[in-house]
Protein backbone atom coordinates (compact mmCIF):
# COMPACT_ATOMS: atom_id res chain seq x y z
CA MET A 1 -3.59 -17.03 -12.95
CA HIS A 2 -5.39 -14.78 -10.45
CA ILE A 3 -2.34 -12.62 -9.72
CA ILE A 4 -1.71 -11.62 -13.35
CA LYS A 5 -5.41 -11.10 -14.01
CA PHE A 6 -5.59 -8.83 -10.97
CA CYS A 7 -2.53 -6.80 -12.00
CA PHE A 8 -3.49 -6.45 -15.66
CA ARG A 9 -6.25 -4.02 -14.76
CA TYR A 10 -3.37 -1.65 -13.90
CA ILE A 11 -0.91 -2.69 -16.61
CA LYS A 12 -3.40 -2.14 -19.43
CA ARG A 13 -3.61 1.54 -18.46
CA ASP A 14 -0.07 1.92 -19.75
CA MET A 15 0.04 -0.87 -22.31
CA THR A 16 2.23 1.02 -24.79
CA ARG A 17 5.09 1.34 -22.30
CA PHE A 18 4.67 -2.26 -21.21
CA VAL A 19 4.79 -3.58 -24.80
CA PHE A 20 7.89 -1.47 -25.47
CA TYR A 21 9.58 -2.84 -22.35
CA MET A 22 8.68 -6.42 -23.25
CA SER A 23 9.95 -6.02 -26.83
CA SER A 24 13.21 -4.54 -25.56
CA ILE A 25 13.70 -7.47 -23.17
CA VAL A 26 13.14 -10.00 -25.99
CA ILE A 27 15.68 -8.20 -28.21
CA SER A 28 18.19 -8.21 -25.33
CA ALA A 29 17.76 -11.98 -24.96
CA GLY A 30 18.27 -12.39 -28.70
CA MET A 31 21.48 -10.35 -28.48
CA TYR A 32 22.90 -12.83 -25.95
CA ILE A 33 22.34 -15.75 -28.34
CA LEU A 34 23.76 -13.77 -31.26
CA ILE A 35 26.90 -12.82 -29.30
CA ALA A 36 27.45 -16.46 -28.22
CA PHE A 37 27.12 -17.69 -31.81
CA PHE A 38 29.38 -14.91 -33.08
CA THR A 39 32.04 -15.69 -30.45
CA GLY A 40 32.11 -19.40 -31.39
CA GLN A 41 32.48 -18.58 -35.08
CA PHE A 42 35.27 -16.13 -34.26
CA ILE A 43 37.24 -18.76 -32.28
CA ASP A 44 36.98 -21.35 -35.08
CA ARG A 45 38.06 -18.75 -37.63
CA LEU A 46 40.94 -17.68 -35.37
CA ILE A 47 42.22 -21.28 -34.95
CA HIS A 48 42.30 -21.93 -38.71
CA ALA A 49 43.22 -18.41 -39.88
CA GLN A 50 46.35 -17.81 -41.97
CA THR A 51 46.22 -14.00 -41.58
CA SER A 52 44.81 -11.50 -39.02
CA ASP A 53 42.96 -9.33 -41.57
CA PHE A 54 39.52 -10.36 -40.23
CA LEU A 55 40.29 -9.36 -36.61
CA PHE A 56 39.41 -5.67 -37.06
CA MET A 57 36.03 -6.37 -38.60
CA PHE A 58 35.18 -8.97 -35.95
CA SER A 59 36.22 -6.54 -33.21
CA VAL A 60 34.02 -3.73 -34.58
CA VAL A 61 30.99 -6.02 -34.88
CA PHE A 62 31.61 -7.45 -31.40
CA ILE A 63 31.84 -3.95 -29.88
CA LEU A 64 28.66 -2.81 -31.66
CA MET A 65 26.71 -5.86 -30.46
CA ASN A 66 27.80 -5.35 -26.86
CA LEU A 67 27.13 -1.61 -26.96
CA THR A 68 23.64 -2.40 -28.23
CA LYS A 69 23.17 -4.87 -25.39
CA ILE A 70 24.37 -2.31 -22.80
CA LEU A 71 22.12 0.41 -24.24
CA LEU A 72 19.11 -1.89 -24.18
CA GLY A 73 19.92 -2.81 -20.58
CA TYR A 74 19.98 0.87 -19.61
CA ILE A 75 16.70 1.62 -21.39
CA ASN A 76 15.05 -1.46 -19.84
CA SER A 77 16.04 -0.38 -16.33
CA ILE A 78 14.63 3.14 -16.77
CA VAL A 79 11.38 1.96 -18.37
CA TYR A 80 10.92 -0.75 -15.75
CA ALA A 81 11.44 1.68 -12.87
CA LYS A 82 8.86 4.15 -14.20
CA PHE A 83 6.35 1.43 -14.98
CA TYR A 84 6.83 -0.45 -11.69
CA TYR A 85 6.49 2.58 -9.41
CA ASP A 86 3.49 3.98 -11.32
CA GLN A 87 1.58 0.68 -11.15
CA THR A 88 2.48 0.10 -7.49
CA TYR A 89 1.19 3.58 -6.66
CA LEU A 90 -2.08 3.02 -8.53
CA MET A 91 -2.66 -0.28 -6.75
CA SER A 92 -1.87 1.22 -3.34
CA ARG A 93 -4.18 4.14 -4.05
CA ASP A 94 -7.09 1.84 -4.94
CA ILE A 95 -6.58 -0.31 -1.86
CA ILE A 96 -6.48 2.76 0.38
CA ARG A 97 -9.67 4.05 -1.25
CA HIS A 98 -11.27 0.70 -0.51
CA ILE A 99 -10.11 0.85 3.11
CA HIS A 100 -11.66 4.31 3.45
CA ARG A 101 -15.02 2.78 2.50
CA VAL A 102 -14.76 -0.09 4.98
CA PRO A 103 -16.83 0.27 8.20
CA ILE A 104 -14.74 2.08 10.80
CA LEU A 105 -15.41 -0.56 13.45
CA GLN A 106 -13.52 -3.12 11.38
CA LEU A 107 -10.59 -0.76 10.82
CA GLU A 108 -10.37 0.04 14.53
CA LYS A 109 -9.58 -3.63 15.16
CA MET A 110 -6.55 -3.50 12.84
CA ASP A 111 -2.96 -2.54 13.65
CA SER A 112 -2.40 0.47 11.36
CA ALA A 113 1.39 -0.06 11.13
CA TYR A 114 0.90 -3.73 10.24
CA LEU A 115 -1.70 -2.78 7.63
CA LYS A 116 0.59 -0.13 6.13
CA GLN A 117 3.42 -2.64 5.87
CA ARG A 118 1.15 -5.16 4.15
CA ILE A 119 -0.03 -2.67 1.57
CA SER A 120 3.36 -1.15 0.71
CA GLN A 121 5.33 -4.41 0.61
CA ASP A 122 2.76 -6.78 -0.88
CA ASN A 123 1.78 -4.43 -3.72
CA GLY A 124 5.38 -4.14 -4.86
CA THR A 125 5.81 -7.92 -4.75
CA ILE A 126 2.67 -8.50 -6.84
CA ILE A 127 3.48 -5.91 -9.51
CA ASN A 128 7.11 -7.01 -9.75
CA PHE A 129 6.04 -10.64 -10.10
CA THR A 130 3.52 -9.85 -12.86
CA ILE A 131 5.92 -7.76 -14.94
CA ASN A 132 8.74 -10.28 -14.61
CA THR A 133 6.42 -13.22 -15.23
CA VAL A 134 4.99 -11.93 -18.51
CA THR A 135 8.38 -10.81 -19.82
CA GLY A 136 10.28 -13.70 -18.21
CA ILE A 137 8.08 -16.46 -19.62
CA THR A 138 8.18 -14.91 -23.11
CA THR A 139 11.95 -14.39 -23.23
CA ASN A 140 12.83 -17.68 -21.56
CA VAL A 141 10.57 -19.74 -23.83
CA ILE A 142 12.16 -18.12 -26.88
CA THR A 143 15.67 -18.45 -25.45
CA PHE A 144 15.16 -22.06 -24.42
CA PHE A 145 13.88 -23.35 -27.75
CA VAL A 146 16.22 -21.28 -29.95
CA SER A 147 19.21 -22.38 -27.85
CA LEU A 148 18.03 -25.99 -27.90
CA ALA A 149 17.59 -25.90 -31.68
CA ILE A 150 21.13 -24.58 -32.25
CA MET A 151 22.53 -27.11 -29.77
CA PHE A 152 20.75 -29.97 -31.58
CA VAL A 153 22.40 -28.85 -34.81
CA ILE A 154 25.81 -28.99 -33.11
CA SER A 155 25.21 -32.35 -31.34
CA TRP A 156 21.74 -33.87 -30.91
CA GLN A 157 23.09 -36.69 -28.71
CA ILE A 158 24.58 -34.34 -26.11
CA SER A 159 21.48 -32.10 -26.29
CA LEU A 160 19.20 -35.06 -25.64
CA ILE A 161 21.17 -36.14 -22.56
CA LEU A 162 21.25 -32.55 -21.28
CA SER A 163 17.48 -32.28 -21.64
CA SER A 164 16.99 -35.09 -19.14
CA PHE A 165 18.13 -32.78 -16.36
CA GLY A 166 14.73 -31.11 -16.67
CA ILE A 167 13.13 -34.10 -14.97
CA ILE A 168 15.38 -33.60 -11.93
CA TYR A 169 14.38 -29.94 -11.77
CA ALA A 170 10.71 -30.88 -11.88
CA LEU A 171 11.06 -33.31 -8.98
CA LEU A 172 12.97 -30.71 -6.98
CA PHE A 173 10.23 -28.11 -7.45
CA ILE A 174 7.44 -30.54 -6.49
CA ALA A 175 9.27 -31.44 -3.27
CA PHE A 176 9.76 -27.82 -2.18
CA LYS A 177 6.50 -26.21 -3.39
CA SER A 178 4.46 -26.61 -0.21
CA PRO A 179 7.22 -25.88 2.34
CA LEU A 180 8.23 -22.68 0.51
CA TYR A 181 4.67 -21.36 0.54
CA ASN A 182 3.89 -22.22 4.15
CA LYS A 183 7.17 -20.91 5.55
CA GLY A 184 6.95 -17.82 3.34
CA PHE A 185 3.43 -17.00 4.50
CA ASP A 186 4.43 -17.31 8.16
CA LEU A 187 7.45 -15.07 7.49
CA LYS A 188 5.37 -12.26 5.96
CA GLU A 189 2.87 -12.35 8.81
CA GLU A 190 5.53 -12.20 11.52
CA GLN A 191 7.44 -9.56 9.58
CA GLY A 192 4.33 -7.38 9.49
CA PHE A 193 3.80 -7.81 13.23
CA TYR A 194 7.46 -7.02 13.96
CA PHE A 195 7.38 -3.83 11.89
CA SER A 196 4.20 -2.74 13.65
CA LYS A 197 6.03 -3.05 16.98
CA MET A 198 8.95 -1.11 15.51
CA TYR A 199 6.51 1.64 14.50
CA GLU A 200 5.05 1.52 18.01
CA GLN A 201 8.47 2.38 19.48
CA LEU A 202 8.59 5.58 17.41
CA ASN A 203 4.93 6.50 17.68
CA TYR A 204 4.93 6.26 21.48
CA ALA A 205 8.32 7.87 22.10
CA ARG A 206 6.77 10.67 24.17
CA PHE A 207 4.68 8.18 26.17
CA VAL A 208 7.79 6.09 26.92
CA LYS A 209 9.73 9.13 28.13
CA ILE A 210 6.92 10.57 30.30
CA HIS A 211 6.09 7.26 32.00
CA SER A 212 9.64 5.88 32.02
CA VAL A 213 8.50 2.57 30.53
CA GLY A 214 11.50 2.05 28.25
CA LYS A 215 12.14 -1.45 29.63
CA ILE A 216 8.58 -2.56 28.90
CA PHE A 217 8.73 -1.26 25.32
CA LYS A 218 12.18 -2.79 24.85
CA LYS A 219 10.76 -6.18 25.87
CA ARG A 220 7.76 -5.76 23.54
CA LEU A 221 10.10 -5.11 20.61
CA HIS A 222 12.44 -7.94 21.62
CA ASP A 223 9.58 -10.46 21.88
CA ALA A 224 8.29 -9.44 18.45
CA TYR A 225 11.78 -9.75 16.97
CA GLU A 226 12.35 -13.20 18.50
CA ALA A 227 9.12 -14.49 16.99
CA TYR A 228 10.08 -12.95 13.62
CA ARG A 229 13.63 -14.32 13.87
CA ILE A 230 12.47 -17.91 14.47
CA VAL A 231 10.14 -17.86 11.47
CA MET A 232 12.73 -16.08 9.31
CA LEU A 233 15.35 -18.75 10.04
CA ARG A 234 12.87 -21.53 9.21
CA TYR A 235 12.15 -19.94 5.85
CA THR A 236 15.85 -19.29 5.20
CA ARG A 237 16.69 -22.96 5.78
CA VAL A 238 14.09 -24.13 3.25
CA SER A 239 14.81 -21.50 0.59
CA THR A 240 18.60 -21.89 0.94
CA LEU A 241 18.37 -25.68 0.65
CA PHE A 242 16.28 -25.27 -2.51
CA SER A 243 18.81 -22.83 -4.02
CA SER A 244 21.76 -25.02 -3.01
CA LEU A 245 20.33 -28.10 -4.71
CA ASP A 246 19.67 -26.00 -7.78
CA THR A 247 23.31 -24.87 -7.83
CA LEU A 248 24.45 -28.47 -7.37
CA ILE A 249 22.49 -29.55 -10.44
CA LEU A 250 24.06 -26.73 -12.48
CA THR A 251 27.51 -27.86 -11.34
CA PHE A 252 26.86 -31.42 -12.55
CA ILE A 253 25.74 -30.03 -15.91
CA SER A 254 28.93 -27.98 -16.27
CA VAL A 255 31.13 -30.99 -15.40
CA PHE A 256 29.20 -33.14 -17.86
CA LEU A 257 29.72 -30.64 -20.66
CA PHE A 258 33.45 -30.28 -20.01
CA VAL A 259 33.97 -34.05 -20.04
CA ILE A 260 31.79 -34.96 -23.00
CA PHE A 261 32.97 -32.05 -25.16
CA GLY A 262 36.59 -32.62 -24.18
CA VAL A 263 36.35 -36.18 -25.52
CA ASN A 264 34.57 -35.07 -28.72
CA ILE A 265 37.05 -32.26 -29.43
CA VAL A 266 39.97 -34.65 -29.01
CA ASN A 267 38.28 -37.11 -31.39
CA GLY A 268 37.59 -34.36 -33.91
CA ASN A 269 33.82 -34.67 -33.75
CA VAL A 270 33.23 -31.02 -32.78
CA THR A 271 35.25 -27.80 -32.93
CA VAL A 272 36.38 -25.56 -30.10
CA GLY A 273 34.02 -22.91 -31.46
CA ASP A 274 31.14 -25.39 -31.25
CA PHE A 275 32.11 -26.04 -27.63
CA VAL A 276 32.05 -22.29 -26.85
CA ILE A 277 28.65 -21.85 -28.53
CA PHE A 278 27.24 -25.00 -26.93
CA THR A 279 28.50 -24.06 -23.46
CA ALA A 280 27.13 -20.51 -23.67
CA LEU A 281 23.76 -21.65 -25.05
CA SER A 282 23.46 -24.57 -22.64
CA THR A 283 24.13 -22.20 -19.76
CA ARG A 284 21.43 -19.92 -21.14
CA MET A 285 19.07 -22.85 -21.71
CA VAL A 286 19.63 -24.22 -18.21
CA SER A 287 19.13 -20.70 -16.88
CA SER A 288 15.79 -20.57 -18.70
CA LEU A 289 14.90 -24.00 -17.37
CA SER A 290 15.94 -22.91 -13.90
CA TYR A 291 13.73 -19.85 -14.27
CA PHE A 292 10.65 -21.99 -14.80
CA PHE A 293 11.33 -24.13 -11.76
CA LYS A 294 12.43 -21.22 -9.60
CA PHE A 295 9.26 -19.60 -10.84
CA GLY A 296 7.55 -21.85 -8.35
CA GLU A 297 9.44 -20.19 -5.50
CA THR A 298 8.72 -16.64 -6.70
CA TYR A 299 5.11 -17.59 -7.42
CA GLN A 300 4.65 -18.86 -3.86
CA ASP A 301 6.00 -15.57 -2.52
CA ALA A 302 3.76 -13.53 -4.84
CA LEU A 303 0.78 -15.74 -4.03
CA ILE A 304 1.24 -14.99 -0.33
CA SER A 305 1.25 -11.26 -1.06
CA TYR A 306 -1.75 -11.56 -3.38
CA ASN A 307 -3.77 -13.51 -0.82
CA ARG A 308 -2.99 -10.91 1.85
CA VAL A 309 -4.06 -8.06 -0.46
CA ASP A 310 -7.12 -10.03 -1.59
CA THR A 311 -8.14 -10.47 2.05
CA ILE A 312 -8.16 -6.68 2.47
CA LEU A 313 -10.10 -6.16 -0.77
CA LYS A 314 -12.74 -8.65 0.39
CA TRP A 315 -13.55 -6.52 3.41
CA LYS A 316 -17.10 -5.40 2.86
CA GLU A 317 -17.50 -1.73 2.00
CA GLU A 318 -20.29 0.50 3.23
CA ASP A 319 -23.06 0.20 0.65
CA THR A 320 -23.44 3.52 -1.18
CA GLU A 321 -23.95 2.33 -4.75
CA ASN A 322 -27.73 2.82 -4.89
CA ASN A 323 -27.99 5.40 -2.12
CA VAL A 324 -29.16 8.97 -2.62
CA GLU A 325 -27.82 12.29 -1.38
CA ALA A 326 -29.86 14.63 0.80
CA PRO A 327 -30.13 18.20 -0.60
CA GLU A 328 -30.20 19.56 2.98
CA ILE A 329 -30.92 18.26 6.46
CA GLU A 330 -33.91 19.48 8.45
CA ASP A 331 -34.06 16.85 11.19
CA ILE A 332 -32.29 13.75 12.46
CA LYS A 333 -34.17 11.06 14.38
CA LEU A 334 -32.82 8.15 16.39
CA THR A 335 -35.40 5.53 17.32
CA ASP A 336 -34.89 2.72 19.87
CA ILE A 337 -31.13 2.65 19.32
CA ILE A 338 -29.14 -0.21 20.84
CA PHE A 339 -25.39 -0.34 20.34
CA SER A 340 -22.76 -2.64 21.84
CA PHE A 341 -19.02 -3.17 21.65
CA GLY A 342 -18.78 -6.94 21.83
CA GLU A 343 -20.60 -7.98 25.00
CA LYS A 344 -20.60 -4.47 26.47
CA ARG A 345 -23.77 -2.49 25.78
CA ILE A 346 -23.01 1.22 25.36
CA ILE A 347 -26.38 2.63 24.32
CA ASN A 348 -29.69 1.01 25.26
CA ASN A 349 -33.11 1.88 23.72
CA LEU A 350 -32.25 5.51 23.00
CA THR A 351 -34.71 7.70 21.10
CA LEU A 352 -33.80 11.30 20.17
CA ASN A 353 -34.94 13.98 17.73
CA PHE A 354 -32.69 16.78 16.45
CA GLN A 355 -34.37 19.68 14.62
CA LYS A 356 -32.92 22.49 12.51
CA GLY A 357 -32.86 25.79 14.37
CA ASN A 358 -31.85 24.28 17.71
CA SER A 359 -28.65 23.65 19.60
CA TYR A 360 -28.27 20.50 21.68
CA ALA A 361 -25.91 19.76 24.56
CA ILE A 362 -25.04 16.12 25.17
CA VAL A 363 -23.79 15.55 28.69
CA GLY A 364 -22.90 12.54 30.80
CA GLU A 365 -20.11 10.81 32.64
CA ASN A 366 -17.13 9.30 30.84
CA GLY A 367 -17.99 5.98 29.22
CA LYS A 368 -21.69 6.75 28.86
CA GLY A 369 -21.52 6.71 25.07
CA LYS A 370 -21.36 10.41 24.11
CA SER A 371 -18.69 9.93 21.40
CA THR A 372 -20.37 6.70 20.33
CA LEU A 373 -23.65 8.60 19.88
CA ILE A 374 -21.87 11.10 17.64
CA ASN A 375 -20.50 8.28 15.48
CA ILE A 376 -23.98 6.75 15.21
CA LEU A 377 -25.46 10.12 14.23
CA MET A 378 -22.95 10.47 11.39
CA GLY A 379 -23.50 6.92 10.16
CA VAL A 380 -19.96 5.90 11.08
CA TYR A 381 -21.10 3.20 13.53
CA PRO A 382 -23.92 0.88 12.46
CA VAL A 383 -26.50 0.24 15.19
CA ASN A 384 -27.37 -3.23 16.46
CA THR A 385 -31.08 -2.43 16.50
CA GLY A 386 -33.17 0.68 15.92
CA SER A 387 -33.02 3.27 13.17
CA VAL A 388 -31.38 6.58 12.29
CA THR A 389 -33.18 8.80 9.77
CA TYR A 390 -32.35 12.07 8.04
CA ASP A 391 -35.57 13.89 7.07
CA GLY A 392 -37.42 10.60 7.30
CA ASN A 393 -34.91 8.67 5.16
CA SER A 394 -33.00 5.84 6.77
CA ILE A 395 -29.25 6.39 6.63
CA THR A 396 -28.98 2.93 5.06
CA SER A 397 -30.63 4.41 1.96
CA LEU A 398 -28.50 7.56 1.93
CA ASP A 399 -25.00 8.17 0.60
CA MET A 400 -23.53 9.01 3.99
CA GLU A 401 -20.05 9.60 2.59
CA ALA A 402 -21.41 12.39 0.39
CA ILE A 403 -23.60 13.73 3.22
CA ARG A 404 -20.65 13.87 5.63
CA ASN A 405 -18.64 15.67 2.96
CA LEU A 406 -21.29 18.27 2.12
CA HIS A 407 -23.68 18.58 5.05
CA ILE A 408 -21.91 17.56 8.27
CA GLY A 409 -18.99 19.21 10.02
CA VAL A 410 -17.19 17.87 13.08
CA VAL A 411 -14.81 19.20 15.70
CA GLU A 412 -13.22 16.17 17.34
CA GLN A 413 -12.38 15.98 21.04
CA GLU A 414 -8.76 15.56 19.97
CA PRO A 415 -8.58 17.45 16.65
CA ILE A 416 -6.66 15.67 13.94
CA LEU A 417 -4.31 17.93 11.98
CA LEU A 418 -2.38 17.03 8.86
CA ASN A 419 1.34 17.48 8.40
CA ASP A 420 0.58 20.41 6.10
CA THR A 421 0.08 24.18 6.24
CA ILE A 422 -2.40 25.87 8.57
CA TYR A 423 -4.21 27.02 5.42
CA HIS A 424 -4.77 23.50 4.11
CA ASN A 425 -5.70 22.23 7.55
CA ILE A 426 -8.40 24.89 7.84
CA TYR A 427 -9.86 24.64 4.36
CA LEU A 428 -9.42 20.89 3.91
CA GLY A 429 -10.45 21.01 0.26
CA HIS A 430 -13.44 23.36 0.80
CA GLY A 431 -11.65 26.69 0.34
CA ASP A 432 -11.44 27.36 -3.39
CA ASP A 433 -14.48 29.65 -3.47
CA ILE A 434 -14.46 31.06 0.10
CA PRO A 435 -13.60 34.81 0.20
CA ASP A 436 -10.70 35.97 2.38
CA ALA A 437 -13.09 38.28 4.23
CA ILE A 438 -14.97 35.29 5.63
CA LEU A 439 -11.70 33.68 6.69
CA ASN A 440 -10.65 36.86 8.51
CA TYR A 441 -14.05 37.04 10.21
CA VAL A 442 -13.75 33.46 11.46
CA LEU A 443 -10.18 34.01 12.68
CA GLU A 444 -11.34 37.07 14.63
CA ILE A 445 -14.11 35.08 16.31
CA LEU A 446 -11.52 32.51 17.37
CA ASP A 447 -8.92 35.12 18.34
CA PHE A 448 -6.49 33.27 16.08
CA LYS A 449 -5.14 36.05 13.85
CA ALA A 450 -2.43 37.08 16.32
CA PHE A 451 -0.99 33.57 16.42
CA ILE A 452 -0.89 33.34 12.61
CA HIS A 453 0.75 36.75 12.25
CA LYS A 454 3.48 35.72 14.69
CA GLN A 455 4.50 32.88 12.41
CA GLU A 456 7.23 33.62 9.88
CA LYS A 457 5.18 32.07 7.07
CA GLY A 458 1.81 33.11 8.45
CA ILE A 459 -1.09 30.87 7.42
CA GLN A 460 1.34 28.89 5.22
CA THR A 461 3.19 27.66 8.32
CA VAL A 462 3.52 23.88 8.23
CA ILE A 463 2.14 21.93 11.19
CA SER A 464 4.55 19.20 12.31
CA GLU A 465 3.74 15.51 11.98
CA LYS A 466 2.34 15.16 15.50
CA SER A 467 1.24 18.82 15.79
CA THR A 468 4.01 19.54 18.29
CA ASN A 469 4.41 23.13 17.10
CA VAL A 470 0.84 24.09 18.06
CA SER A 471 -0.83 23.98 21.48
CA GLY A 472 -4.04 22.17 22.37
CA GLY A 473 -5.99 25.42 22.17
CA GLU A 474 -4.52 26.29 18.78
CA LYS A 475 -5.47 22.82 17.50
CA GLN A 476 -9.05 23.41 18.64
CA LYS A 477 -9.12 26.82 16.93
CA ILE A 478 -7.95 25.30 13.63
CA ALA A 479 -10.63 22.60 13.92
CA LEU A 480 -13.30 25.23 14.71
CA ALA A 481 -12.16 27.41 11.80
CA ARG A 482 -12.43 24.35 9.57
CA LEU A 483 -16.02 23.82 10.76
CA PHE A 484 -17.15 27.44 10.42
CA LEU A 485 -15.72 27.84 6.92
CA LYS A 486 -17.32 24.61 5.75
CA ASP A 487 -20.64 25.95 7.12
CA PRO A 488 -22.55 22.63 6.98
CA ASP A 489 -26.21 21.93 7.86
CA VAL A 490 -25.18 19.82 10.84
CA MET A 491 -22.44 20.96 13.22
CA ILE A 492 -21.12 18.45 15.74
CA LEU A 493 -18.66 19.66 18.36
CA ASP A 494 -17.05 17.27 20.84
CA GLU A 495 -15.62 19.22 23.82
CA PRO A 496 -14.76 22.12 21.47
CA THR A 497 -13.73 24.65 24.16
CA SER A 498 -11.88 22.46 26.68
CA ALA A 499 -8.54 24.18 25.92
CA LEU A 500 -9.86 27.68 25.19
CA ASP A 501 -10.11 30.76 27.39
CA GLU A 502 -13.48 32.14 28.52
CA ARG A 503 -13.50 35.08 26.06
CA THR A 504 -12.91 32.87 23.02
CA THR A 505 -15.51 30.40 24.31
CA MET A 506 -18.11 33.18 24.55
CA ASN A 507 -17.27 34.38 21.01
CA ILE A 508 -17.80 30.85 19.68
CA LEU A 509 -21.13 30.42 21.52
CA GLU A 510 -22.37 33.79 20.23
CA HIS A 511 -21.45 32.83 16.67
CA LEU A 512 -23.21 29.47 17.01
CA ASN A 513 -26.30 31.21 18.34
CA LYS A 514 -26.33 33.59 15.33
CA ILE A 515 -26.20 30.80 12.74
CA LYS A 516 -28.30 28.13 14.47
CA LYS A 517 -31.57 29.02 12.67
CA ASP A 518 -30.20 27.24 9.60
CA LYS A 519 -28.32 24.51 11.47
CA ILE A 520 -28.60 21.50 13.70
CA ILE A 521 -25.91 22.14 16.32
CA ILE A 522 -24.86 19.30 18.64
CA ILE A 523 -22.29 19.93 21.35
CA VAL A 524 -20.73 17.36 23.66
CA SER A 525 -19.47 19.24 26.71
CA HIS A 526 -18.87 19.27 30.44
CA THR A 527 -18.52 23.06 30.58
CA PRO A 528 -21.49 24.70 32.36
CA SER A 529 -21.29 27.93 30.33
CA VAL A 530 -21.53 25.92 27.10
CA ILE A 531 -24.36 23.71 28.31
CA GLU A 532 -26.40 26.69 29.52
CA ARG A 533 -26.38 28.31 26.08
CA CYS A 534 -27.90 25.26 24.37
CA ASP A 535 -31.65 24.98 23.73
CA VAL A 536 -31.88 21.30 24.67
CA VAL A 537 -29.78 19.29 27.13
CA ILE A 538 -29.57 15.52 26.57
CA LYS A 539 -28.17 13.54 29.48
CA LEU A 540 -26.85 10.05 28.79
């Protein structure tokens, strides 16, 4: 089974805990059978007893067995919770790592909220199914055959008739297999879309307020809910009908047992204790049988989740397996570059050469492809035709992920800040060996020390989720500090001074001029004072 095979790569990392949990579950199932048998023996002894001397001993044993069962139940719950959450986290982490390696153009087509919902919900479903399947099949097989064996000893005729109900269960499962899967798949898809629209309501709260478009967003949410509601009701009808028929079959079994055992007890063929044991074990046996046929329903649900996760994992990653890292970058060349978004051509037959020791200004009207050019330079966007080379090596032969990490630094037009401290936003994993003196120097260049000192927690101040506690200029200063402290071979700045005052802008340009002999500096800007200070101006 593909689902279990997929999950076992995670389960085997903590096999000791899993084996312990499975063993504990099997013992718990055995305790149920033992308690049922013990109870039947107690009732027969009680009916024929002449004294009550045995009651104390029976009571002590009964209490001990149930305390053991309760203790095992508690341990099982704790072990399961730890195991389930650990494995779900590991799976989510691996899928997110995979997504980070997928070409950005493919990710930009996806609804991030919908994708998040798929990952978080589907992973839990898959792991839960695998754990419960391995333990459930083991315990229910043991329970079924042990119960059946004891029941055959009590009355093989009744046991044989009871076994025939399995055929009815099989027919029921076959009839509902396809509808459960199809309706369940539709439900998960619409549920993901609905939650993405719910996330949209929160993510665009400021937009809604500024533009007074609450009615439009209300309708968008309502339409998504209506579509989800229709599919949800369709699935509920099918799954409820399946469960109801299952309950009906169990009712017939209970009536059958009451009637047939009532007649046999009256005729003296079986004892009341036998009836208690048989009823308890038959209920357990039917429950095990029901598990295997309801397994079809849970399997369909898990299969939907697995297929959705598998679809994500089949997204092709950027090929870096055999690629090499560049020790440093002396020049970047773009030759006959053509790039299009769908039918719209953004860049047409562009050839450029960027050399170390120079600063370059990229200028042009909005929509001319300045940001697209930056993404092509960094190897984030693949070109339709043409080539991009670093020191004569095509970026298709280079490990661009490693190069971006070590040799390229970027200041985005709209800097992205994490919901973390200013310190972590500046260093971003590159600060373990950077002296404080260098940090202070960079903060002075950016005129950012005063802002940090005003904060109660200084550089450890936490930036809010949407950076609402910092201004646009402060966001740019954090992004610039991040770039200067990283000190990469290639510095790319997209409108880096649009929210800064003239004095800070001049400080930044002077610093860039000082360090450019060892850098390739590329600046996208509309600001004349910035453009004038660059060695080469590229107009798109």
